[in-house]
N, C-alpha and C. Protein backbone atom coordinates (compact mmCIF):
# COMPACT_ATOMS: atom_id res chain seq x y z
N MET A 1 22.54 -109.68 -113.89
CA MET A 1 24.01 -109.19 -113.45
C MET A 1 23.70 -107.96 -112.48
N PHE A 2 22.91 -107.06 -112.85
CA PHE A 2 22.52 -105.78 -112.15
C PHE A 2 21.29 -105.72 -111.29
N ALA A 3 21.38 -105.20 -110.17
CA ALA A 3 20.30 -104.80 -109.27
C ALA A 3 19.43 -104.05 -110.05
N ASP A 4 18.30 -103.62 -109.81
CA ASP A 4 17.57 -102.59 -110.09
C ASP A 4 17.79 -101.23 -109.57
N VAL A 5 18.55 -100.45 -109.99
CA VAL A 5 19.17 -99.46 -109.40
C VAL A 5 18.90 -98.07 -109.85
N ARG A 6 17.83 -98.04 -110.86
CA ARG A 6 17.38 -96.75 -111.33
C ARG A 6 16.84 -95.86 -110.25
N LEU A 7 17.07 -94.63 -110.30
CA LEU A 7 16.73 -93.79 -109.30
C LEU A 7 15.59 -92.81 -109.74
N ASP A 8 14.76 -92.75 -108.70
CA ASP A 8 13.37 -91.95 -109.05
C ASP A 8 13.91 -90.51 -108.88
N TRP A 9 14.40 -89.72 -109.68
CA TRP A 9 14.86 -88.57 -109.72
C TRP A 9 13.92 -87.81 -110.75
N PRO A 10 12.89 -86.99 -110.19
CA PRO A 10 11.95 -86.36 -111.31
C PRO A 10 12.79 -85.43 -112.10
N ASP A 11 12.60 -85.31 -113.48
CA ASP A 11 13.16 -84.35 -114.14
C ASP A 11 14.95 -84.81 -114.62
N CYS A 12 15.10 -86.16 -114.27
CA CYS A 12 16.39 -86.82 -114.77
C CYS A 12 15.86 -88.05 -115.45
N GLY A 13 15.97 -88.11 -116.61
CA GLY A 13 15.65 -89.63 -117.29
C GLY A 13 16.67 -90.53 -117.42
N ASN A 14 17.83 -90.26 -116.86
CA ASN A 14 18.96 -91.51 -117.05
C ASN A 14 19.79 -91.40 -115.70
N ALA A 15 18.90 -91.75 -114.44
CA ALA A 15 19.75 -91.63 -113.35
C ALA A 15 19.90 -92.93 -112.67
N ARG A 16 20.94 -93.51 -112.35
CA ARG A 16 21.11 -94.91 -111.62
C ARG A 16 22.24 -95.04 -110.86
N ASP A 17 22.24 -95.67 -109.70
CA ASP A 17 23.32 -96.14 -108.97
C ASP A 17 24.01 -97.43 -109.37
N LEU A 18 25.31 -97.31 -109.50
CA LEU A 18 25.92 -98.40 -109.91
C LEU A 18 26.38 -99.40 -109.04
N GLY A 19 25.72 -99.24 -107.58
CA GLY A 19 25.82 -100.24 -106.75
C GLY A 19 25.48 -101.64 -107.06
N GLY A 20 26.17 -102.61 -106.71
CA GLY A 20 25.85 -103.95 -106.83
C GLY A 20 26.76 -104.42 -108.23
N THR A 21 27.30 -103.42 -108.77
CA THR A 21 28.07 -104.03 -110.15
C THR A 21 29.16 -104.91 -109.62
N PRO A 22 29.40 -106.12 -110.17
CA PRO A 22 30.29 -107.03 -109.58
C PRO A 22 31.77 -106.84 -110.19
N THR A 23 32.64 -107.10 -109.38
CA THR A 23 34.02 -107.01 -109.73
C THR A 23 34.76 -108.24 -109.92
N ARG A 24 35.95 -108.39 -110.82
CA ARG A 24 36.49 -109.83 -111.05
C ARG A 24 37.09 -110.57 -109.82
N ASP A 25 37.12 -110.08 -108.65
CA ASP A 25 37.60 -110.67 -107.65
C ASP A 25 36.38 -111.06 -106.48
N GLY A 26 35.14 -110.97 -107.08
CA GLY A 26 34.14 -111.41 -106.20
C GLY A 26 33.52 -110.31 -105.34
N GLY A 27 34.07 -108.93 -105.50
CA GLY A 27 33.47 -107.63 -104.72
C GLY A 27 32.47 -107.17 -105.52
N ARG A 28 31.84 -106.00 -104.94
CA ARG A 28 30.74 -105.31 -105.75
C ARG A 28 30.92 -103.88 -105.28
N VAL A 29 30.51 -103.25 -106.32
CA VAL A 29 30.58 -101.69 -105.97
C VAL A 29 29.65 -101.27 -104.90
N ARG A 30 29.94 -100.80 -104.16
CA ARG A 30 29.18 -100.21 -102.93
C ARG A 30 27.90 -99.34 -103.30
N ALA A 31 26.73 -99.82 -102.82
CA ALA A 31 25.33 -99.10 -102.93
C ALA A 31 25.63 -97.58 -102.56
N GLY A 32 25.44 -96.76 -103.39
CA GLY A 32 25.26 -95.39 -103.05
C GLY A 32 26.60 -94.72 -103.06
N ALA A 33 27.66 -95.31 -103.54
CA ALA A 33 29.04 -94.68 -103.79
C ALA A 33 29.04 -94.13 -105.25
N LEU A 34 28.54 -94.69 -106.07
CA LEU A 34 28.70 -94.24 -107.55
C LEU A 34 27.42 -93.98 -108.33
N ILE A 35 27.14 -92.61 -108.50
CA ILE A 35 25.82 -92.50 -109.33
C ILE A 35 25.98 -91.64 -110.68
N ARG A 36 25.29 -92.21 -111.69
CA ARG A 36 25.39 -91.41 -112.88
C ARG A 36 24.13 -90.75 -113.27
N SER A 37 23.98 -89.75 -114.00
CA SER A 37 22.86 -89.35 -114.38
C SER A 37 23.05 -88.30 -115.83
N ASP A 38 21.94 -87.80 -116.18
CA ASP A 38 22.08 -86.67 -117.00
C ASP A 38 21.90 -85.53 -116.42
N SER A 39 21.78 -84.37 -117.23
CA SER A 39 21.77 -83.01 -116.70
C SER A 39 20.88 -82.78 -115.45
N HIS A 40 21.40 -81.92 -114.50
CA HIS A 40 20.40 -81.63 -113.33
C HIS A 40 19.76 -80.24 -113.68
N ALA A 41 19.78 -79.77 -114.77
CA ALA A 41 19.45 -78.36 -114.94
C ALA A 41 18.03 -78.27 -114.83
N ARG A 42 17.16 -79.26 -115.43
CA ARG A 42 15.63 -79.18 -115.26
C ARG A 42 15.23 -79.62 -113.97
N MET A 43 15.89 -79.96 -112.94
CA MET A 43 15.39 -80.54 -111.68
C MET A 43 14.63 -79.42 -110.95
N THR A 44 13.50 -79.73 -110.39
CA THR A 44 12.63 -78.96 -109.55
C THR A 44 13.13 -78.84 -108.25
N ALA A 45 12.60 -77.93 -107.30
CA ALA A 45 13.17 -77.91 -105.98
C ALA A 45 12.97 -79.20 -105.38
N ALA A 46 11.91 -79.99 -105.51
CA ALA A 46 11.82 -81.32 -104.89
C ALA A 46 12.70 -82.10 -105.37
N SER A 47 13.15 -82.36 -106.55
CA SER A 47 14.04 -83.17 -107.08
C SER A 47 15.51 -82.82 -106.70
N VAL A 48 15.69 -81.57 -106.51
CA VAL A 48 17.09 -81.28 -105.78
C VAL A 48 17.33 -81.63 -104.39
N GLY A 49 15.90 -81.58 -103.80
CA GLY A 49 15.90 -82.19 -102.28
C GLY A 49 16.23 -83.72 -102.24
N VAL A 50 15.78 -84.26 -103.22
CA VAL A 50 15.89 -85.68 -103.22
C VAL A 50 17.39 -86.38 -103.45
N LEU A 51 18.00 -85.47 -104.32
CA LEU A 51 19.47 -85.72 -104.59
C LEU A 51 20.34 -85.28 -103.37
N ARG A 52 19.87 -84.19 -102.92
CA ARG A 52 20.69 -83.79 -101.61
C ARG A 52 20.41 -84.79 -100.45
N GLY A 53 19.36 -85.52 -100.44
CA GLY A 53 19.07 -86.55 -99.48
C GLY A 53 19.93 -87.70 -99.47
N HIS A 54 20.59 -87.92 -100.77
CA HIS A 54 21.69 -89.08 -100.76
C HIS A 54 22.99 -88.70 -100.16
N GLY A 55 23.18 -87.31 -99.75
CA GLY A 55 24.20 -86.96 -98.97
C GLY A 55 25.55 -87.29 -99.89
N PRO A 56 25.57 -86.29 -101.13
CA PRO A 56 26.62 -86.59 -101.87
C PRO A 56 28.03 -86.00 -101.33
N GLY A 57 29.16 -86.57 -101.63
CA GLY A 57 30.34 -86.05 -101.28
C GLY A 57 30.77 -85.21 -102.48
N LEU A 58 30.47 -85.42 -103.57
CA LEU A 58 30.90 -84.79 -104.70
C LEU A 58 29.67 -84.79 -106.02
N ILE A 59 29.35 -83.77 -106.59
CA ILE A 59 28.53 -83.59 -107.69
C ILE A 59 29.42 -83.09 -108.79
N LEU A 60 29.75 -84.02 -109.69
CA LEU A 60 30.80 -83.74 -110.54
C LEU A 60 30.33 -83.44 -112.25
N ASP A 61 30.14 -82.31 -112.60
CA ASP A 61 29.54 -81.85 -113.77
C ASP A 61 30.56 -81.70 -114.92
N LEU A 62 30.39 -82.81 -115.90
CA LEU A 62 31.31 -82.67 -117.07
C LEU A 62 31.26 -82.02 -118.12
N ARG A 63 30.17 -81.04 -118.01
CA ARG A 63 29.58 -80.17 -119.20
C ARG A 63 30.78 -79.25 -119.39
N TRP A 64 30.42 -78.57 -120.66
CA TRP A 64 31.43 -77.33 -121.02
C TRP A 64 30.92 -76.10 -120.09
N VAL A 65 31.73 -75.34 -120.07
CA VAL A 65 31.21 -74.00 -119.19
C VAL A 65 30.11 -73.35 -119.99
N HIS A 66 30.10 -73.27 -121.35
CA HIS A 66 28.94 -72.59 -122.15
C HIS A 66 27.71 -73.27 -121.76
N GLU A 67 27.64 -74.70 -121.50
CA GLU A 67 26.44 -75.41 -121.26
C GLU A 67 26.09 -75.05 -119.94
N CYS A 68 26.93 -75.15 -118.90
CA CYS A 68 26.67 -74.74 -117.57
C CYS A 68 26.14 -73.24 -117.66
N ASP A 69 26.61 -72.51 -118.52
CA ASP A 69 26.11 -71.04 -118.40
C ASP A 69 24.60 -70.90 -118.91
N SER A 70 24.30 -71.58 -119.88
CA SER A 70 23.14 -71.51 -120.52
C SER A 70 21.96 -72.40 -119.72
N ALA A 71 22.43 -73.59 -119.00
CA ALA A 71 21.64 -74.31 -118.26
C ALA A 71 22.35 -74.61 -117.01
N PRO A 72 22.22 -73.67 -116.04
CA PRO A 72 22.96 -73.89 -114.87
C PRO A 72 22.43 -75.00 -113.95
N SER A 73 23.53 -75.58 -113.37
CA SER A 73 23.34 -76.88 -112.29
C SER A 73 22.66 -76.08 -111.08
N PRO A 74 21.60 -76.67 -110.44
CA PRO A 74 20.65 -76.08 -109.26
C PRO A 74 21.88 -76.16 -108.07
N PHE A 75 22.94 -77.12 -108.31
CA PHE A 75 23.95 -77.25 -107.08
C PHE A 75 25.18 -76.40 -107.42
N ALA A 76 25.16 -75.50 -108.21
CA ALA A 76 26.35 -74.76 -108.60
C ALA A 76 26.90 -74.20 -107.43
N ALA A 77 26.16 -73.58 -106.41
CA ALA A 77 26.84 -73.04 -105.25
C ALA A 77 26.99 -74.09 -104.04
N ASP A 78 26.74 -75.05 -104.23
CA ASP A 78 27.06 -76.19 -103.11
C ASP A 78 28.46 -76.58 -103.02
N PRO A 79 28.99 -76.51 -102.19
CA PRO A 79 30.43 -76.92 -101.66
C PRO A 79 30.97 -78.09 -102.33
N VAL A 80 30.07 -79.29 -102.56
CA VAL A 80 30.26 -80.41 -103.23
C VAL A 80 30.40 -80.29 -104.64
N TYR A 81 29.94 -79.13 -105.02
CA TYR A 81 29.74 -79.19 -106.70
C TYR A 81 31.14 -78.83 -107.35
N ARG A 82 31.42 -79.65 -108.44
CA ARG A 82 32.77 -79.21 -109.25
C ARG A 82 32.23 -79.37 -110.57
N ASN A 83 32.63 -78.29 -111.55
CA ASN A 83 32.52 -78.46 -112.81
C ASN A 83 33.94 -78.79 -113.58
N VAL A 84 34.07 -79.84 -114.27
CA VAL A 84 35.24 -80.27 -114.71
C VAL A 84 34.97 -80.67 -116.28
N PRO A 85 35.19 -79.69 -117.29
CA PRO A 85 34.86 -80.28 -118.57
C PRO A 85 35.76 -81.32 -119.06
N LEU A 86 35.13 -82.33 -119.51
CA LEU A 86 35.91 -83.53 -120.00
C LEU A 86 36.42 -83.41 -121.27
N LEU A 87 35.80 -82.57 -122.10
CA LEU A 87 36.22 -82.32 -123.52
C LEU A 87 36.51 -80.94 -123.67
N PRO A 88 37.45 -80.76 -124.88
CA PRO A 88 37.69 -79.41 -125.28
C PRO A 88 36.75 -78.70 -125.75
N ASP A 89 36.83 -77.42 -125.76
CA ASP A 89 35.68 -76.45 -126.36
C ASP A 89 36.50 -75.40 -127.04
N PRO A 90 36.49 -75.46 -128.38
CA PRO A 90 35.77 -76.10 -129.37
C PRO A 90 36.35 -77.52 -129.48
N MET A 91 35.65 -78.65 -129.86
CA MET A 91 36.15 -79.92 -130.08
C MET A 91 37.16 -79.68 -131.32
N ASP A 92 38.49 -80.21 -131.15
CA ASP A 92 39.29 -80.12 -132.25
C ASP A 92 39.73 -81.53 -132.72
N TYR A 93 38.69 -82.81 -132.72
CA TYR A 93 38.86 -83.77 -133.08
C TYR A 93 37.41 -84.49 -133.39
N GLU A 94 37.40 -85.66 -133.93
CA GLU A 94 36.00 -86.18 -134.21
C GLU A 94 35.66 -87.54 -133.57
N VAL A 95 34.50 -87.73 -132.96
CA VAL A 95 34.48 -89.09 -132.31
C VAL A 95 33.48 -89.79 -133.12
N PRO A 96 33.79 -90.95 -133.67
CA PRO A 96 33.00 -91.66 -134.53
C PRO A 96 31.98 -92.49 -133.75
N ASP A 97 30.92 -93.07 -134.35
CA ASP A 97 29.97 -93.76 -133.70
C ASP A 97 30.31 -94.84 -132.96
N HIS A 98 31.31 -95.60 -133.41
CA HIS A 98 31.55 -96.96 -133.20
C HIS A 98 32.46 -97.06 -132.13
N THR A 99 33.13 -95.84 -131.60
CA THR A 99 34.10 -95.93 -130.64
C THR A 99 34.34 -94.80 -129.75
N TYR A 100 34.99 -94.62 -128.53
CA TYR A 100 35.25 -93.59 -127.91
C TYR A 100 36.78 -93.42 -127.70
N VAL A 101 37.38 -94.16 -128.54
CA VAL A 101 38.96 -93.99 -128.56
C VAL A 101 39.36 -92.57 -128.67
N PRO A 102 38.89 -91.86 -129.54
CA PRO A 102 39.55 -90.33 -129.72
C PRO A 102 39.42 -89.50 -128.23
N MET A 103 38.25 -89.71 -127.72
CA MET A 103 38.00 -89.33 -126.39
C MET A 103 39.19 -89.66 -125.35
N LEU A 104 39.32 -90.81 -125.58
CA LEU A 104 40.42 -91.41 -124.50
C LEU A 104 41.81 -90.76 -124.59
N ASP A 105 42.05 -90.68 -126.04
CA ASP A 105 43.40 -90.30 -126.45
C ASP A 105 43.56 -88.78 -126.25
N HIS A 106 42.68 -88.06 -126.41
CA HIS A 106 42.78 -86.53 -126.46
C HIS A 106 42.60 -85.87 -125.09
N ASN A 107 41.92 -86.69 -124.07
CA ASN A 107 41.68 -85.95 -122.93
C ASN A 107 42.15 -86.38 -121.76
N GLY A 108 43.59 -87.02 -121.77
CA GLY A 108 44.08 -87.70 -120.55
C GLY A 108 44.13 -86.59 -119.35
N GLU A 109 44.69 -85.16 -119.48
CA GLU A 109 44.86 -84.40 -118.55
C GLU A 109 43.47 -84.10 -117.89
N ARG A 110 42.34 -83.94 -118.78
CA ARG A 110 41.09 -83.56 -118.18
C ARG A 110 40.43 -84.66 -117.47
N VAL A 111 40.66 -85.98 -117.79
CA VAL A 111 40.28 -87.20 -117.12
C VAL A 111 40.91 -87.24 -115.78
N ALA A 112 42.36 -86.99 -115.90
CA ALA A 112 43.14 -87.15 -114.54
C ALA A 112 42.55 -86.03 -113.70
N ARG A 113 42.10 -84.86 -114.05
CA ARG A 113 41.68 -83.95 -113.18
C ARG A 113 40.31 -84.24 -112.49
N ALA A 114 39.40 -84.82 -113.40
CA ALA A 114 38.02 -85.22 -112.88
C ALA A 114 38.40 -86.49 -111.63
N VAL A 115 39.36 -87.47 -112.23
CA VAL A 115 39.47 -88.33 -111.14
C VAL A 115 40.16 -87.89 -109.79
N HIS A 116 40.88 -86.66 -109.85
CA HIS A 116 41.74 -86.49 -108.84
C HIS A 116 40.33 -85.73 -107.77
N GLU A 117 39.44 -85.11 -108.46
CA GLU A 117 38.13 -84.40 -107.64
C GLU A 117 37.52 -85.71 -106.86
N ILE A 118 37.43 -86.79 -107.66
CA ILE A 118 36.76 -87.88 -106.81
C ILE A 118 37.56 -88.48 -105.81
N ALA A 119 38.87 -88.68 -106.11
CA ALA A 119 39.94 -89.37 -105.23
C ALA A 119 39.90 -88.39 -103.92
N VAL A 120 39.76 -86.99 -103.91
CA VAL A 120 39.80 -86.16 -102.70
C VAL A 120 38.63 -85.56 -102.19
N ALA A 121 37.42 -86.11 -102.83
CA ALA A 121 36.24 -85.74 -102.39
C ALA A 121 35.87 -86.22 -101.01
N PRO A 122 35.09 -85.40 -100.04
CA PRO A 122 34.65 -86.06 -98.75
C PRO A 122 33.83 -87.27 -98.83
N PRO A 123 33.48 -87.98 -97.63
CA PRO A 123 32.77 -89.03 -97.85
C PRO A 123 31.39 -88.50 -98.50
N GLY A 124 30.69 -89.81 -99.05
CA GLY A 124 29.41 -89.58 -99.59
C GLY A 124 29.40 -89.88 -101.17
N ALA A 125 28.24 -89.89 -101.57
CA ALA A 125 27.97 -90.23 -102.95
C ALA A 125 28.74 -89.50 -104.04
N VAL A 126 29.33 -90.22 -104.99
CA VAL A 126 29.94 -89.45 -106.24
C VAL A 126 28.89 -89.49 -107.05
N VAL A 127 28.52 -88.27 -107.49
CA VAL A 127 27.30 -88.22 -108.56
C VAL A 127 27.94 -87.39 -109.78
N ILE A 128 28.03 -88.30 -110.92
CA ILE A 128 28.56 -87.90 -112.00
C ILE A 128 27.68 -87.56 -113.17
N HIS A 129 27.60 -86.36 -113.94
CA HIS A 129 26.67 -86.21 -115.29
C HIS A 129 27.21 -85.29 -116.17
N CYS A 130 26.56 -85.26 -117.12
CA CYS A 130 27.04 -84.36 -118.34
C CYS A 130 25.75 -83.86 -118.82
N HIS A 131 25.56 -83.85 -120.08
CA HIS A 131 24.05 -83.40 -120.61
C HIS A 131 23.10 -84.36 -120.66
N GLY A 132 23.61 -85.52 -121.47
CA GLY A 132 22.67 -86.63 -121.79
C GLY A 132 22.91 -87.96 -120.58
N GLY A 133 24.19 -87.83 -120.04
CA GLY A 133 24.70 -88.85 -119.09
C GLY A 133 24.97 -90.08 -119.87
N ARG A 134 25.69 -89.77 -121.16
CA ARG A 134 25.90 -90.94 -122.04
C ARG A 134 27.37 -91.20 -122.30
N ASP A 135 27.84 -90.08 -123.07
CA ASP A 135 29.32 -90.39 -123.70
C ASP A 135 30.06 -89.90 -122.65
N ARG A 136 30.26 -88.49 -122.20
CA ARG A 136 31.37 -88.00 -121.36
C ARG A 136 31.30 -88.80 -120.06
N THR A 137 29.86 -88.84 -119.57
CA THR A 137 29.60 -89.75 -118.35
C THR A 137 30.11 -91.17 -118.40
N GLY A 138 29.62 -91.72 -119.55
CA GLY A 138 29.97 -93.06 -119.94
C GLY A 138 31.28 -93.41 -119.92
N LEU A 139 32.25 -92.57 -120.31
CA LEU A 139 33.71 -92.86 -120.24
C LEU A 139 34.34 -92.73 -119.02
N LEU A 140 33.96 -91.77 -118.40
CA LEU A 140 34.55 -91.61 -117.15
C LEU A 140 34.08 -92.63 -115.98
N VAL A 141 32.91 -92.89 -116.21
CA VAL A 141 32.28 -94.11 -115.23
C VAL A 141 32.91 -95.45 -115.69
N ALA A 142 33.33 -95.63 -116.83
CA ALA A 142 33.99 -96.91 -117.31
C ALA A 142 35.26 -97.05 -116.73
N LEU A 143 36.05 -95.83 -116.51
CA LEU A 143 37.45 -95.94 -116.01
C LEU A 143 37.39 -95.97 -114.53
N LEU A 144 36.32 -95.44 -114.01
CA LEU A 144 36.04 -95.73 -112.57
C LEU A 144 35.78 -97.03 -112.31
N LEU A 145 34.82 -97.81 -113.20
CA LEU A 145 34.81 -99.12 -112.77
C LEU A 145 35.99 -100.04 -113.18
N GLY A 146 36.81 -99.56 -114.04
CA GLY A 146 37.94 -100.43 -114.27
C GLY A 146 39.10 -100.17 -113.02
N ILE A 147 38.79 -99.17 -112.26
CA ILE A 147 39.76 -98.96 -110.98
C ILE A 147 39.15 -99.79 -110.08
N ALA A 148 37.78 -99.85 -110.15
CA ALA A 148 37.14 -100.80 -109.18
C ALA A 148 37.52 -102.51 -109.35
N GLY A 149 37.80 -102.61 -110.59
CA GLY A 149 38.05 -103.97 -110.81
C GLY A 149 36.90 -104.82 -111.78
N VAL A 150 36.25 -104.01 -112.24
CA VAL A 150 35.02 -104.59 -113.00
C VAL A 150 35.40 -104.97 -114.42
N ASP A 151 35.10 -106.06 -114.86
CA ASP A 151 35.27 -106.68 -116.04
C ASP A 151 34.86 -105.81 -117.30
N ALA A 152 35.59 -105.92 -118.42
CA ALA A 152 35.41 -104.95 -119.44
C ALA A 152 33.70 -105.36 -120.01
N ASP A 153 33.40 -106.59 -120.13
CA ASP A 153 32.25 -106.88 -120.72
C ASP A 153 31.00 -106.48 -119.51
N VAL A 154 31.38 -106.51 -118.37
CA VAL A 154 30.22 -105.89 -117.43
C VAL A 154 30.11 -104.47 -117.72
N ILE A 155 31.35 -103.70 -117.73
CA ILE A 155 31.35 -102.33 -117.98
C ILE A 155 30.44 -101.83 -119.38
N ALA A 156 30.84 -102.61 -120.25
CA ALA A 156 29.94 -102.31 -121.54
C ALA A 156 28.50 -102.88 -121.32
N ALA A 157 27.92 -103.91 -120.60
CA ALA A 157 26.96 -104.33 -120.44
C ALA A 157 26.12 -103.17 -119.64
N ASP A 158 26.96 -102.50 -118.56
CA ASP A 158 26.36 -101.50 -117.88
C ASP A 158 25.93 -100.30 -118.81
N PHE A 159 26.94 -99.79 -119.53
CA PHE A 159 26.92 -98.72 -120.63
C PHE A 159 25.68 -98.76 -121.35
N ALA A 160 25.34 -100.14 -121.80
CA ALA A 160 24.13 -100.41 -122.63
C ALA A 160 22.96 -100.17 -122.11
N ARG A 161 22.90 -99.68 -120.61
CA ARG A 161 21.64 -99.59 -119.98
C ARG A 161 21.09 -98.14 -120.14
N THR A 162 22.05 -97.18 -120.52
CA THR A 162 21.76 -95.88 -121.08
C THR A 162 20.93 -96.04 -122.39
N PRO A 163 19.85 -95.32 -122.49
CA PRO A 163 19.20 -95.20 -123.80
C PRO A 163 20.06 -94.72 -124.89
N GLY A 164 20.04 -95.25 -126.03
CA GLY A 164 20.74 -94.64 -127.02
C GLY A 164 22.24 -94.87 -127.11
N THR A 165 22.86 -95.90 -126.50
CA THR A 165 24.12 -96.27 -126.44
C THR A 165 24.41 -97.57 -127.25
N ASP A 166 25.59 -97.70 -127.59
CA ASP A 166 25.93 -99.11 -128.46
C ASP A 166 26.95 -99.67 -127.60
N PRO A 167 26.70 -100.78 -126.98
CA PRO A 167 27.92 -101.40 -126.02
C PRO A 167 29.10 -101.78 -126.77
N ALA A 168 28.95 -102.09 -127.96
CA ALA A 168 30.08 -102.17 -128.84
C ALA A 168 31.00 -101.15 -128.82
N ALA A 169 30.69 -99.96 -128.93
CA ALA A 169 31.43 -98.69 -128.90
C ALA A 169 32.30 -98.66 -127.54
N MET A 170 31.81 -99.01 -126.41
CA MET A 170 32.41 -99.07 -125.23
C MET A 170 33.39 -100.10 -125.37
N ARG A 171 33.02 -101.26 -125.71
CA ARG A 171 33.85 -102.53 -125.70
C ARG A 171 35.01 -102.30 -126.65
N ASP A 172 34.75 -101.53 -127.59
CA ASP A 172 35.89 -101.26 -128.49
C ASP A 172 37.06 -100.47 -127.94
N THR A 173 36.53 -99.36 -127.06
CA THR A 173 37.26 -98.62 -126.39
C THR A 173 38.07 -99.16 -125.35
N LEU A 174 37.64 -100.16 -124.45
CA LEU A 174 38.05 -100.73 -123.46
C LEU A 174 39.15 -101.63 -124.14
N THR A 175 38.79 -102.37 -125.16
CA THR A 175 39.80 -103.29 -125.96
C THR A 175 41.07 -102.48 -126.28
N TYR A 176 40.80 -101.39 -126.96
CA TYR A 176 42.00 -100.33 -127.08
C TYR A 176 42.80 -99.92 -126.13
N ALA A 177 42.13 -99.64 -125.03
CA ALA A 177 42.84 -99.25 -123.78
C ALA A 177 43.79 -100.12 -123.24
N ASP A 178 43.44 -101.44 -123.36
CA ASP A 178 44.30 -102.64 -123.09
C ASP A 178 45.30 -102.71 -123.93
N ALA A 179 45.21 -102.63 -125.21
CA ALA A 179 46.19 -102.66 -126.04
C ALA A 179 47.22 -101.67 -126.20
N ARG A 180 46.73 -100.45 -126.05
CA ARG A 180 47.57 -99.24 -126.13
C ARG A 180 48.17 -98.87 -124.92
N TYR A 181 47.53 -98.81 -123.88
CA TYR A 181 47.91 -98.27 -122.39
C TYR A 181 48.34 -99.37 -121.59
N GLY A 182 47.66 -100.78 -121.78
CA GLY A 182 47.83 -101.73 -120.74
C GLY A 182 46.71 -101.82 -119.80
N GLY A 183 45.63 -101.22 -120.06
CA GLY A 183 44.54 -101.19 -119.11
C GLY A 183 44.15 -99.67 -118.79
N MET A 184 42.98 -99.57 -118.02
CA MET A 184 42.45 -98.29 -117.77
C MET A 184 43.31 -97.67 -116.58
N VAL A 185 43.77 -98.46 -115.57
CA VAL A 185 44.65 -97.91 -114.47
C VAL A 185 45.81 -97.37 -115.15
N PRO A 186 46.57 -98.27 -116.03
CA PRO A 186 47.91 -97.76 -116.55
C PRO A 186 47.74 -96.43 -117.15
N TYR A 187 46.41 -96.36 -117.96
CA TYR A 187 45.98 -95.14 -118.59
C TYR A 187 46.10 -93.98 -117.76
N LEU A 188 45.23 -94.09 -116.55
CA LEU A 188 45.32 -93.11 -115.66
C LEU A 188 46.59 -92.76 -115.07
N LEU A 189 47.48 -93.77 -114.68
CA LEU A 189 48.73 -93.49 -114.06
C LEU A 189 49.68 -92.63 -115.16
N LEU A 190 49.49 -93.01 -116.41
CA LEU A 190 50.34 -92.27 -117.51
C LEU A 190 49.95 -90.89 -117.57
N HIS A 191 48.63 -90.42 -117.37
CA HIS A 191 48.37 -89.21 -117.36
C HIS A 191 48.21 -88.32 -116.13
N GLY A 192 48.96 -88.97 -115.03
CA GLY A 192 49.30 -88.08 -113.94
C GLY A 192 48.58 -88.37 -112.80
N VAL A 193 47.72 -89.53 -112.91
CA VAL A 193 46.78 -89.84 -111.50
C VAL A 193 47.88 -90.55 -110.64
N PRO A 194 48.15 -90.17 -109.28
CA PRO A 194 48.86 -90.87 -108.39
C PRO A 194 48.50 -92.15 -108.07
N PRO A 195 49.26 -93.17 -107.96
CA PRO A 195 48.86 -94.46 -107.47
C PRO A 195 48.07 -94.27 -105.99
N ALA A 196 48.39 -93.48 -105.39
CA ALA A 196 47.50 -93.34 -103.85
C ALA A 196 46.19 -92.93 -104.29
N GLU A 197 45.86 -92.14 -105.41
CA GLU A 197 44.53 -91.73 -105.67
C GLU A 197 43.79 -92.81 -106.26
N VAL A 198 44.40 -93.81 -107.32
CA VAL A 198 43.82 -94.88 -107.74
C VAL A 198 43.53 -95.82 -106.56
N THR A 199 44.18 -95.89 -105.44
CA THR A 199 43.75 -96.81 -104.27
C THR A 199 42.61 -96.25 -103.58
N ALA A 200 42.79 -94.91 -103.44
CA ALA A 200 41.85 -94.23 -102.71
C ALA A 200 40.47 -94.44 -103.40
N ILE A 201 40.16 -94.37 -104.67
CA ILE A 201 39.06 -94.55 -105.39
C ILE A 201 38.61 -96.09 -105.20
N ARG A 202 39.47 -96.93 -105.43
CA ARG A 202 39.14 -98.30 -105.25
C ARG A 202 38.38 -98.58 -103.97
N HIS A 203 39.17 -98.20 -102.96
CA HIS A 203 38.53 -98.35 -101.55
C HIS A 203 37.16 -97.58 -101.38
N ARG A 204 36.79 -96.57 -101.90
CA ARG A 204 35.58 -95.64 -101.93
C ARG A 204 34.67 -96.48 -102.49
N LEU A 205 34.84 -97.11 -103.72
CA LEU A 205 33.96 -97.89 -104.38
C LEU A 205 33.56 -99.27 -104.13
N VAL A 206 34.42 -99.90 -103.87
CA VAL A 206 34.46 -101.45 -103.69
C VAL A 206 33.93 -101.69 -102.30
N ASP A 207 32.90 -102.72 -102.17
CA ASP A 207 32.48 -103.11 -100.94
C ASP A 207 32.79 -104.72 -100.92
N ARG A 208 33.59 -105.39 -100.31
CA ARG A 208 34.16 -106.54 -100.28
C ARG A 208 33.13 -107.34 -99.17
């Protein structure tokens, strides 16, 4: 189902290009358009150069501010870097192991802000990360793949490629999004993402 798109980024143990992910209508996510990873804080100068070589249009850091302060991103001064915390600090709800539904329900405005940054970013790769590249990154990437028209089972299967994940948790979240909001795109529209930004992201990600 997926190409071998793990990236050789030293000091990042969970970096991969989502290029090649199939969409329901026969398209594919464009190679180099959407990259997910864990934290960049441990990257060496050589590793930083490798990432910059991908020509990112946006490096989106979903960590809390205190995480960024204690383990700064080497890209923090780059014009393409944005820190958009996806979760409240402190957390005022719990996320059980079997689902990300509370993250979806409690963070619509934060998700919308992150999606906006992607929609208006200049051309180039969108690189998304949090600390481990699993939960926060996984939820946002799932929503982006939903915009691209990727089937829920494929999204869950990609999520499972990250070590320590349970694809059933992502599948449960996507099933809930369909039942509660009518799908991932209606969820984003409900929380203030303009239709034009949804369209812009779809065009940015999908290679037909």
